[in-house]
PDB file of N, CA and C in Angstrom:
ATOM      1  N   MET A   1       0.828  -1.201   0.000  1.00  0.00           N
ATOM      2  CA  MET A   1       0.000   0.000   0.000  1.00  0.00           C
ATOM      3  C   MET A   1       0.866   1.256   0.000  1.00  0.00           C
ATOM      4  N   ARG A   2       1.945   1.244   0.776  1.00  0.00           N
ATOM      5  CA  ARG A   2       2.825   2.413   0.832  1.00  0.00           C
ATOM      6  C   ARG A   2       3.470   2.700  -0.509  1.00  0.00           C
ATOM      7  N   VAL A   3       3.815   1.650  -1.243  1.00  0.00           N
ATOM      8  CA  VAL A   3       4.436   1.823  -2.554  1.00  0.00           C
ATOM      9  C   VAL A   3       3.461   2.508  -3.505  1.00  0.00           C
ATOM     10  N   ILE A   4       2.224   2.093  -3.481  1.00  0.00           N
ATOM     11  CA  ILE A   4       1.207   2.696  -4.345  1.00  0.00           C
ATOM     12  C   ILE A   4       1.003   4.167  -3.975  1.00  0.00           C
ATOM     13  N   LEU A   5       0.916   4.454  -2.693  1.00  0.00           N
ATOM     14  CA  LEU A   5       0.739   5.828  -2.238  1.00  0.00           C
ATOM     15  C   LEU A   5       1.933   6.692  -2.630  1.00  0.00           C
ATOM     16  N   PHE A   6       3.142   6.181  -2.434  1.00  0.00           N
ATOM     17  CA  PHE A   6       4.354   6.919  -2.798  1.00  0.00           C
ATOM     18  C   PHE A   6       4.380   7.200  -4.299  1.00  0.00           C
ATOM     19  N   THR A   7       4.047   6.207  -5.109  1.00  0.00           N
ATOM     20  CA  THR A   7       4.026   6.369  -6.561  1.00  0.00           C
ATOM     21  C   THR A   7       3.012   7.427  -6.967  1.00  0.00           C
ATOM     22  N   ALA A   8       1.833   7.405  -6.379  1.00  0.00           N
ATOM     23  CA  ALA A   8       0.786   8.384  -6.703  1.00  0.00           C
ATOM     24  C   ALA A   8       1.233   9.795  -6.331  1.00  0.00           C
ATOM     25  N   ILE A   9       1.823   9.948  -5.158  1.00  0.00           N
ATOM     26  CA  ILE A   9       2.290  11.269  -4.722  1.00  0.00           C
ATOM     27  C   ILE A   9       3.396  11.767  -5.646  1.00  0.00           C
ATOM     28  N   THR A  10       4.315  10.887  -6.011  1.00  0.00           N
ATOM     29  CA  THR A  10       5.410  11.262  -6.898  1.00  0.00           C
ATOM     30  C   THR A  10       4.887  11.709  -8.256  1.00  0.00           C
ATOM     31  N   LEU A  11       3.965  10.971  -8.814  1.00  0.00           N
ATOM     32  CA  LEU A  11       3.408  11.330 -10.122  1.00  0.00           C
ATOM     33  C   LEU A  11       2.651  12.647 -10.064  1.00  0.00           C
ATOM     34  N   LEU A  12       1.872  12.853  -9.031  1.00  0.00           N
ATOM     35  CA  LEU A  12       1.114  14.096  -8.901  1.00  0.00           C
ATOM     36  C   LEU A  12       2.035  15.292  -8.692  1.00  0.00           C
ATOM     37  N   SER A  13       3.063  15.148  -7.895  1.00  0.00           N
ATOM     38  CA  SER A  13       3.963  16.269  -7.657  1.00  0.00           C
ATOM     39  C   SER A  13       4.767  16.595  -8.899  1.00  0.00           C
ATOM     40  N   THR A  14       5.141  15.598  -9.675  1.00  0.00           N
ATOM     41  CA  THR A  14       5.860  15.844 -10.924  1.00  0.00           C
ATOM     42  C   THR A  14       4.976  16.579 -11.907  1.00  0.00           C
ATOM     43  N   ALA A  15       3.725  16.197 -12.018  1.00  0.00           N
ATOM     44  CA  ALA A  15       2.796  16.855 -12.936  1.00  0.00           C
ATOM     45  C   ALA A  15       2.546  18.294 -12.519  1.00  0.00           C
ATOM     46  N   ALA A  16       2.529  18.552 -11.242  1.00  0.00           N
ATOM     47  CA  ALA A  16       2.252  19.903 -10.756  1.00  0.00           C
ATOM     48  C   ALA A  16       3.373  20.868 -11.110  1.00  0.00           C
ATOM     49  N   PHE A  17       4.596  20.382 -11.219  1.00  0.00           N
ATOM     50  CA  PHE A  17       5.725  21.249 -11.487  1.00  0.00           C
ATOM     51  C   PHE A  17       6.178  21.217 -12.947  1.00  0.00           C
ATOM     52  N   ALA A  18       5.542  20.430 -13.757  1.00  0.00           N
ATOM     53  CA  ALA A  18       5.935  20.326 -15.156  1.00  0.00           C
ATOM     54  C   ALA A  18       5.504  21.569 -15.916  1.00  0.00           C
ATOM     55  N   GLY A  19       6.383  22.028 -16.794  1.00  0.00           N
ATOM     56  CA  GLY A  19       6.053  23.166 -17.644  1.00  0.00           C
ATOM     57  C   GLY A  19       5.249  22.696 -18.836  1.00  0.00           C
ATOM     58  N   PRO A  20       4.855  23.623 -19.668  1.00  0.00           N
ATOM     59  CA  PRO A  20       4.055  23.258 -20.836  1.00  0.00           C
ATOM     60  C   PRO A  20       4.881  22.532 -21.897  1.00  0.00           C
ATOM     61  N   GLN A  21       4.197  21.829 -22.759  1.00  0.00           N
ATOM     62  CA  GLN A  21       4.812  21.198 -23.926  1.00  0.00           C
ATOM     63  C   GLN A  21       4.579  22.153 -25.090  1.00  0.00           C
ATOM     64  N   CYS A  22       5.652  22.684 -25.668  1.00  0.00           N
ATOM     65  CA  CYS A  22       5.502  23.722 -26.692  1.00  0.00           C
ATOM     66  C   CYS A  22       5.499  23.192 -28.118  1.00  0.00           C
ATOM     67  N   THR A  23       6.407  22.280 -28.415  1.00  0.00           N
ATOM     68  CA  THR A  23       6.487  21.794 -29.790  1.00  0.00           C
ATOM     69  C   THR A  23       7.173  20.442 -29.832  1.00  0.00           C
ATOM     70  N   ASP A  24       6.924  19.714 -30.899  1.00  0.00           N
ATOM     71  CA  ASP A  24       7.651  18.471 -31.122  1.00  0.00           C
ATOM     72  C   ASP A  24       8.339  18.501 -32.488  1.00  0.00           C
ATOM     73  N   THR A  25       8.433  19.688 -33.064  1.00  0.00           N
ATOM     74  CA  THR A  25       9.079  19.822 -34.367  1.00  0.00           C
ATOM     75  C   THR A  25      10.592  19.780 -34.226  1.00  0.00           C
ATOM     76  N   ASP A  26      11.258  19.464 -35.299  1.00  0.00           N
ATOM     77  CA  ASP A  26      12.717  19.383 -35.329  1.00  0.00           C
ATOM     78  C   ASP A  26      13.331  20.734 -34.982  1.00  0.00           C
ATOM     79  N   LYS A  27      14.413  20.700 -34.233  1.00  0.00           N
ATOM     80  CA  LYS A  27      15.054  21.943 -33.780  1.00  0.00           C
ATOM     81  C   LYS A  27      15.568  22.806 -34.934  1.00  0.00           C
ATOM     82  N   SER A  28      15.716  22.224 -36.101  1.00  0.00           N
ATOM     83  CA  SER A  28      16.163  23.019 -37.255  1.00  0.00           C
ATOM     84  C   SER A  28      15.107  24.042 -37.677  1.00  0.00           C
ATOM     85  N   THR A  29      13.851  23.869 -37.218  1.00  0.00           N
ATOM     86  CA  THR A  29      12.772  24.801 -37.559  1.00  0.00           C
ATOM     87  C   THR A  29      12.595  25.888 -36.499  1.00  0.00           C
ATOM     88  N   TRP A  30      13.350  25.804 -35.413  1.00  0.00           N
ATOM     89  CA  TRP A  30      13.213  26.752 -34.311  1.00  0.00           C
ATOM     90  C   TRP A  30      13.833  28.095 -34.644  1.00  0.00           C
ATOM     91  N   LEU A  31      13.317  29.143 -34.031  1.00  0.00           N
ATOM     92  CA  LEU A  31      13.900  30.478 -34.153  1.00  0.00           C
ATOM     93  C   LEU A  31      15.284  30.480 -33.506  1.00  0.00           C
ATOM     94  N   ASP A  32      16.203  31.244 -34.065  1.00  0.00           N
ATOM     95  CA  ASP A  32      17.539  31.365 -33.513  1.00  0.00           C
ATOM     96  C   ASP A  32      17.456  31.941 -32.091  1.00  0.00           C
ATOM     97  N   GLN A  33      18.094  31.262 -31.124  1.00  0.00           N
ATOM     98  CA  GLN A  33      17.991  31.670 -29.722  1.00  0.00           C
ATOM     99  C   GLN A  33      18.518  33.085 -29.487  1.00  0.00           C
ATOM    100  N   THR A  34      19.659  33.402 -30.075  1.00  0.00           N
ATOM    101  CA  THR A  34      20.259  34.718 -29.875  1.00  0.00           C
ATOM    102  C   THR A  34      19.368  35.810 -30.447  1.00  0.00           C
ATOM    103  N   LYS A  35      18.888  35.626 -31.660  1.00  0.00           N
ATOM    104  CA  LYS A  35      18.009  36.616 -32.287  1.00  0.00           C
ATOM    105  C   LYS A  35      16.704  36.751 -31.507  1.00  0.00           C
ATOM    106  N   PHE A  36      16.172  35.623 -31.043  1.00  0.00           N
ATOM    107  CA  PHE A  36      14.928  35.652 -30.278  1.00  0.00           C
ATOM    108  C   PHE A  36      15.098  36.486 -29.011  1.00  0.00           C
ATOM    109  N   GLN A  37      16.204  36.294 -28.314  1.00  0.00           N
ATOM    110  CA  GLN A  37      16.466  37.066 -27.103  1.00  0.00           C
ATOM    111  C   GLN A  37      16.644  38.553 -27.429  1.00  0.00           C
ATOM    112  N   GLU A  38      17.336  38.847 -28.508  1.00  0.00           N
ATOM    113  CA  GLU A  38      17.515  40.248 -28.920  1.00  0.00           C
ATOM    114  C   GLU A  38      16.172  40.904 -29.214  1.00  0.00           C
ATOM    115  N   ASP A  39      15.280  40.159 -29.871  1.00  0.00           N
ATOM    116  CA  ASP A  39      13.945  40.688 -30.175  1.00  0.00           C
ATOM    117  C   ASP A  39      13.152  40.965 -28.894  1.00  0.00           C
ATOM    118  N   LEU A  40      13.265  40.064 -27.916  1.00  0.00           N
ATOM    119  CA  LEU A  40      12.585  40.280 -26.630  1.00  0.00           C
ATOM    120  C   LEU A  40      13.134  41.525 -25.932  1.00  0.00           C
ATOM    121  N   LYS A  41      14.440  41.675 -25.943  1.00  0.00           N
ATOM    122  CA  LYS A  41      15.059  42.843 -25.312  1.00  0.00           C
ATOM    123  C   LYS A  41      14.620  44.134 -26.002  1.00  0.00           C
ATOM    124  N   ALA A  42      14.478  44.089 -27.327  1.00  0.00           N
ATOM    125  CA  ALA A  42      14.010  45.256 -28.077  1.00  0.00           C
ATOM    126  C   ALA A  42      12.571  45.617 -27.712  1.00  0.00           C
ATOM    127  N   LYS A  43      11.809  44.617 -27.239  1.00  0.00           N
ATOM    128  CA  LYS A  43      10.431  44.853 -26.796  1.00  0.00           C
ATOM    129  C   LYS A  43      10.368  45.296 -25.340  1.00  0.00           C
ATOM    130  N   GLY A  44      11.516  45.426 -24.683  1.00  0.00           N
ATOM    131  CA  GLY A  44      11.547  45.932 -23.321  1.00  0.00           C
ATOM    132  C   GLY A  44      11.769  44.897 -22.234  1.00  0.00           C
ATOM    133  N   TYR A  45      11.965  43.641 -22.618  1.00  0.00           N
ATOM    134  CA  TYR A  45      12.208  42.609 -21.615  1.00  0.00           C
ATOM    135  C   TYR A  45      13.661  42.667 -21.146  1.00  0.00           C
ATOM    136  N   GLU A  46      13.853  42.407 -19.866  1.00  0.00           N
ATOM    137  CA  GLU A  46      15.190  42.221 -19.306  1.00  0.00           C
ATOM    138  C   GLU A  46      15.269  40.752 -18.920  1.00  0.00           C
ATOM    139  N   ILE A  47      16.186  40.029 -19.538  1.00  0.00           N
ATOM    140  CA  ILE A  47      16.272  38.585 -19.347  1.00  0.00           C
ATOM    141  C   ILE A  47      17.365  38.257 -18.336  1.00  0.00           C
ATOM    142  N   LYS A  48      16.960  37.607 -17.258  1.00  0.00           N
ATOM    143  CA  LYS A  48      17.922  37.142 -16.259  1.00  0.00           C
ATOM    144  C   LYS A  48      18.402  35.739 -16.616  1.00  0.00           C
ATOM    145  N   VAL A  49      17.442  34.870 -16.976  1.00  0.00           N
ATOM    146  CA  VAL A  49      17.749  33.486 -17.353  1.00  0.00           C
ATOM    147  C   VAL A  49      16.986  33.151 -18.622  1.00  0.00           C
ATOM    148  N   PHE A  50      17.674  32.526 -19.563  1.00  0.00           N
ATOM    149  CA  PHE A  50      17.051  32.016 -20.784  1.00  0.00           C
ATOM    150  C   PHE A  50      17.440  30.557 -20.888  1.00  0.00           C
ATOM    151  N   LYS A  51      16.445  29.688 -21.118  1.00  0.00           N
ATOM    152  CA  LYS A  51      16.770  28.276 -21.267  1.00  0.00           C
ATOM    153  C   LYS A  51      15.767  27.574 -22.165  1.00  0.00           C
ATOM    154  N   VAL A  52      16.170  26.385 -22.607  1.00  0.00           N
ATOM    155  CA  VAL A  52      15.287  25.506 -23.360  1.00  0.00           C
ATOM    156  C   VAL A  52      14.804  24.449 -22.377  1.00  0.00           C
ATOM    157  N   THR A  53      13.492  24.304 -22.253  1.00  0.00           N
ATOM    158  CA  THR A  53      12.929  23.372 -21.282  1.00  0.00           C
ATOM    159  C   THR A  53      12.806  21.968 -21.858  1.00  0.00           C
ATOM    160  N   SER A  54      12.521  21.025 -20.982  1.00  0.00           N
ATOM    161  CA  SER A  54      12.314  19.646 -21.427  1.00  0.00           C
ATOM    162  C   SER A  54      11.031  19.519 -22.256  1.00  0.00           C
ATOM    163  N   GLY A  55      10.156  20.513 -22.152  1.00  0.00           N
ATOM    164  CA  GLY A  55       8.938  20.532 -22.962  1.00  0.00           C
ATOM    165  C   GLY A  55       9.141  21.222 -24.296  1.00  0.00           C
ATOM    166  N   ASN A  56      10.420  21.417 -24.659  1.00  0.00           N
ATOM    167  CA  ASN A  56      10.784  22.059 -25.922  1.00  0.00           C
ATOM    168  C   ASN A  56      10.208  23.467 -26.063  1.00  0.00           C
ATOM    169  N   CYS A  57      10.396  24.256 -25.016  1.00  0.00           N
ATOM    170  CA  CYS A  57       9.999  25.658 -25.010  1.00  0.00           C
ATOM    171  C   CYS A  57      11.243  26.518 -24.800  1.00  0.00           C
ATOM    172  N   TYR A  58      11.167  27.754 -25.239  1.00  0.00           N
ATOM    173  CA  TYR A  58      12.116  28.758 -24.784  1.00  0.00           C
ATOM    174  C   TYR A  58      11.477  29.351 -23.528  1.00  0.00           C
ATOM    175  N   GLU A  59      12.241  29.435 -22.460  1.00  0.00           N
ATOM    176  CA  GLU A  59      11.717  29.955 -21.209  1.00  0.00           C
ATOM    177  C   GLU A  59      12.614  31.077 -20.721  1.00  0.00           C
ATOM    178  N   ILE A  60      11.993  32.156 -20.263  1.00  0.00           N
ATOM    179  CA  ILE A  60      12.774  33.242 -19.672  1.00  0.00           C
ATOM    180  C   ILE A  60      12.290  33.533 -18.261  1.00  0.00           C
ATOM    181  N   TYR A  61      13.233  33.966 -17.462  1.00  0.00           N
ATOM    182  CA  TYR A  61      12.962  34.558 -16.151  1.00  0.00           C
ATOM    183  C   TYR A  61      13.560  35.948 -16.227  1.00  0.00           C
ATOM    184  N   GLY A  62      12.799  36.943 -15.816  1.00  0.00           N
ATOM    185  CA  GLY A  62      13.293  38.311 -15.871  1.00  0.00           C
ATOM    186  C   GLY A  62      12.195  39.302 -15.594  1.00  0.00           C
ATOM    187  N   TRP A  63      12.231  40.416 -16.329  1.00  0.00           N
ATOM    188  CA  TRP A  63      11.286  41.509 -16.116  1.00  0.00           C
ATOM    189  C   TRP A  63      10.729  41.972 -17.458  1.00  0.00           C
ATOM    190  N   ASP A  64       9.448  42.371 -17.439  1.00  0.00           N
ATOM    191  CA  ASP A  64       8.841  42.906 -18.660  1.00  0.00           C
ATOM    192  C   ASP A  64       9.099  44.406 -18.749  1.00  0.00           C
ATOM    193  N   LYS A  65       8.538  45.047 -19.759  1.00  0.00           N
ATOM    194  CA  LYS A  65       8.778  46.482 -19.984  1.00  0.00           C
ATOM    195  C   LYS A  65       8.272  47.352 -18.842  1.00  0.00           C
ATOM    196  N   ASP A  66       7.333  46.808 -18.043  1.00  0.00           N
ATOM    197  CA  ASP A  66       6.799  47.540 -16.896  1.00  0.00           C
ATOM    198  C   ASP A  66       7.537  47.199 -15.605  1.00  0.00           C
ATOM    199  N   LYS A  67       8.660  46.496 -15.743  1.00  0.00           N
ATOM    200  CA  LYS A  67       9.525  46.112 -14.610  1.00  0.00           C
ATOM    201  C   LYS A  67       8.858  45.130 -13.654  1.00  0.00           C
ATOM    202  N   ARG A  68       7.894  44.372 -14.184  1.00  0.00           N
ATOM    203  CA  ARG A  68       7.270  43.315 -13.394  1.00  0.00           C
ATOM    204  C   ARG A  68       8.072  42.030 -13.607  1.00  0.00           C
ATOM    205  N   LYS A  69       8.245  41.265 -12.544  1.00  0.00           N
ATOM    206  CA  LYS A  69       8.974  40.007 -12.626  1.00  0.00           C
ATOM    207  C   LYS A  69       8.124  38.995 -13.398  1.00  0.00           C
ATOM    208  N   VAL A  70       8.727  38.308 -14.376  1.00  0.00           N
ATOM    209  CA  VAL A  70       7.977  37.372 -15.211  1.00  0.00           C
ATOM    210  C   VAL A  70       8.711  36.046 -15.381  1.00  0.00           C
ATOM    211  N   GLU A  71       7.921  35.034 -15.629  1.00  0.00           N
ATOM    212  CA  GLU A  71       8.392  33.729 -16.090  1.00  0.00           C
ATOM    213  C   GLU A  71       7.525  33.417 -17.298  1.00  0.00           C
ATOM    214  N   ILE A  72       8.149  33.267 -18.461  1.00  0.00           N
ATOM    215  CA  ILE A  72       7.369  33.088 -19.691  1.00  0.00           C
ATOM    216  C   ILE A  72       7.925  31.925 -20.508  1.00  0.00           C
ATOM    217  N   TYR A  73       7.002  31.095 -21.003  1.00  0.00           N
ATOM    218  CA  TYR A  73       7.351  30.007 -21.920  1.00  0.00           C
ATOM    219  C   TYR A  73       6.906  30.424 -23.318  1.00  0.00           C
ATOM    220  N   PHE A  74       7.798  30.249 -24.286  1.00  0.00           N
ATOM    221  CA  PHE A  74       7.502  30.599 -25.678  1.00  0.00           C
ATOM    222  C   PHE A  74       7.621  29.367 -26.565  1.00  0.00           C
ATOM    223  N   ASP A  75       6.770  29.309 -27.585  1.00  0.00           N
ATOM    224  CA  ASP A  75       6.922  28.301 -28.624  1.00  0.00           C
ATOM    225  C   ASP A  75       8.158  28.695 -29.435  1.00  0.00           C
ATOM    226  N   PRO A  76       9.174  27.836 -29.533  1.00  0.00           N
ATOM    227  CA  PRO A  76      10.405  28.212 -30.222  1.00  0.00           C
ATOM    228  C   PRO A  76      10.289  28.258 -31.738  1.00  0.00           C
ATOM    229  N   VAL A  77       9.185  27.778 -32.274  1.00  0.00           N
ATOM    230  CA  VAL A  77       8.978  27.827 -33.725  1.00  0.00           C
ATOM    231  C   VAL A  77       8.291  29.131 -34.122  1.00  0.00           C
ATOM    232  N   THR A  78       7.266  29.521 -33.370  1.00  0.00           N
ATOM    233  CA  THR A  78       6.487  30.712 -33.718  1.00  0.00           C
ATOM    234  C   THR A  78       6.856  31.937 -32.882  1.00  0.00           C
ATOM    235  N   GLY A  79       7.450  31.712 -31.704  1.00  0.00           N
ATOM    236  CA  GLY A  79       7.765  32.813 -30.797  1.00  0.00           C
ATOM    237  C   GLY A  79       6.579  33.268 -29.967  1.00  0.00           C
ATOM    238  N   LYS A  80       5.433  32.606 -30.116  1.00  0.00           N
ATOM    239  CA  LYS A  80       4.235  32.993 -29.366  1.00  0.00           C
ATOM    240  C   LYS A  80       4.328  32.527 -27.916  1.00  0.00           C
ATOM    241  N   THR A  81       3.738  33.316 -27.027  1.00  0.00           N
ATOM    242  CA  THR A  81       3.697  32.976 -25.614  1.00  0.00           C
ATOM    243  C   THR A  81       2.777  31.787 -25.410  1.00  0.00           C
ATOM    244  N   VAL A  82       3.272  30.762 -24.701  1.00  0.00           N
ATOM    245  CA  VAL A  82       2.486  29.579 -24.395  1.00  0.00           C
ATOM    246  C   VAL A  82       1.951  29.663 -22.975  1.00  0.00           C
ATOM    247  N   LYS A  83       2.772  30.167 -22.054  1.00  0.00           N
ATOM    248  CA  LYS A  83       2.367  30.320 -20.652  1.00  0.00           C
ATOM    249  C   LYS A  83       3.152  31.482 -20.069  1.00  0.00           C
ATOM    250  N   GLU A  84       2.481  32.298 -19.267  1.00  0.00           N
ATOM    251  CA  GLU A  84       3.133  33.466 -18.674  1.00  0.00           C
ATOM    252  C   GLU A  84       2.684  33.624 -17.230  1.00  0.00           C
ATOM    253  N   GLU A  85       3.646  33.886 -16.374  1.00  0.00           N
ATOM    254  CA  GLU A  85       3.353  34.180 -14.978  1.00  0.00           C
ATOM    255  C   GLU A  85       3.993  35.518 -14.644  1.00  0.00           C
ATOM    256  N   VAL A  86       3.170  36.455 -14.210  1.00  0.00           N
ATOM    257  CA  VAL A  86       3.641  37.790 -13.830  1.00  0.00           C
ATOM    258  C   VAL A  86       3.509  37.908 -12.328  1.00  0.00           C
ATOM    259  N   LYS A  87       4.605  38.279 -11.696  1.00  0.00           N
ATOM    260  CA  LYS A  87       4.585  38.466 -10.240  1.00  0.00           C
ATOM    261  C   LYS A  87       4.489  39.935  -9.957  1.00  0.00           C
ATOM    262  N   LYS A  88       3.506  40.331  -9.189  1.00  0.00           N
ATOM    263  CA  LYS A  88       3.267  41.739  -8.920  1.00  0.00           C
ATOM    264  C   LYS A  88       3.941  42.190  -7.673  1.00  0.00           C
TER     265      LYS A  88
END
């Protein structure tokens, strides 16, 4: 019984912290990471951390043009926002 309970808790906690799944397309179709970051900066974002997630997203931690702290996941093929969290 304990094994089943432990497995259920582990699966639920992993799902709760998983980021979005952005794409399954080949990385050759993705936007250039450097150019993508430059474009975000030109829009007023300040990027503290930029990374590629296991869900094949571009993810940033930083601040938007209004100096609000943000965590944003982008589709690396289209550049569209998939998930955004703004901390006030």
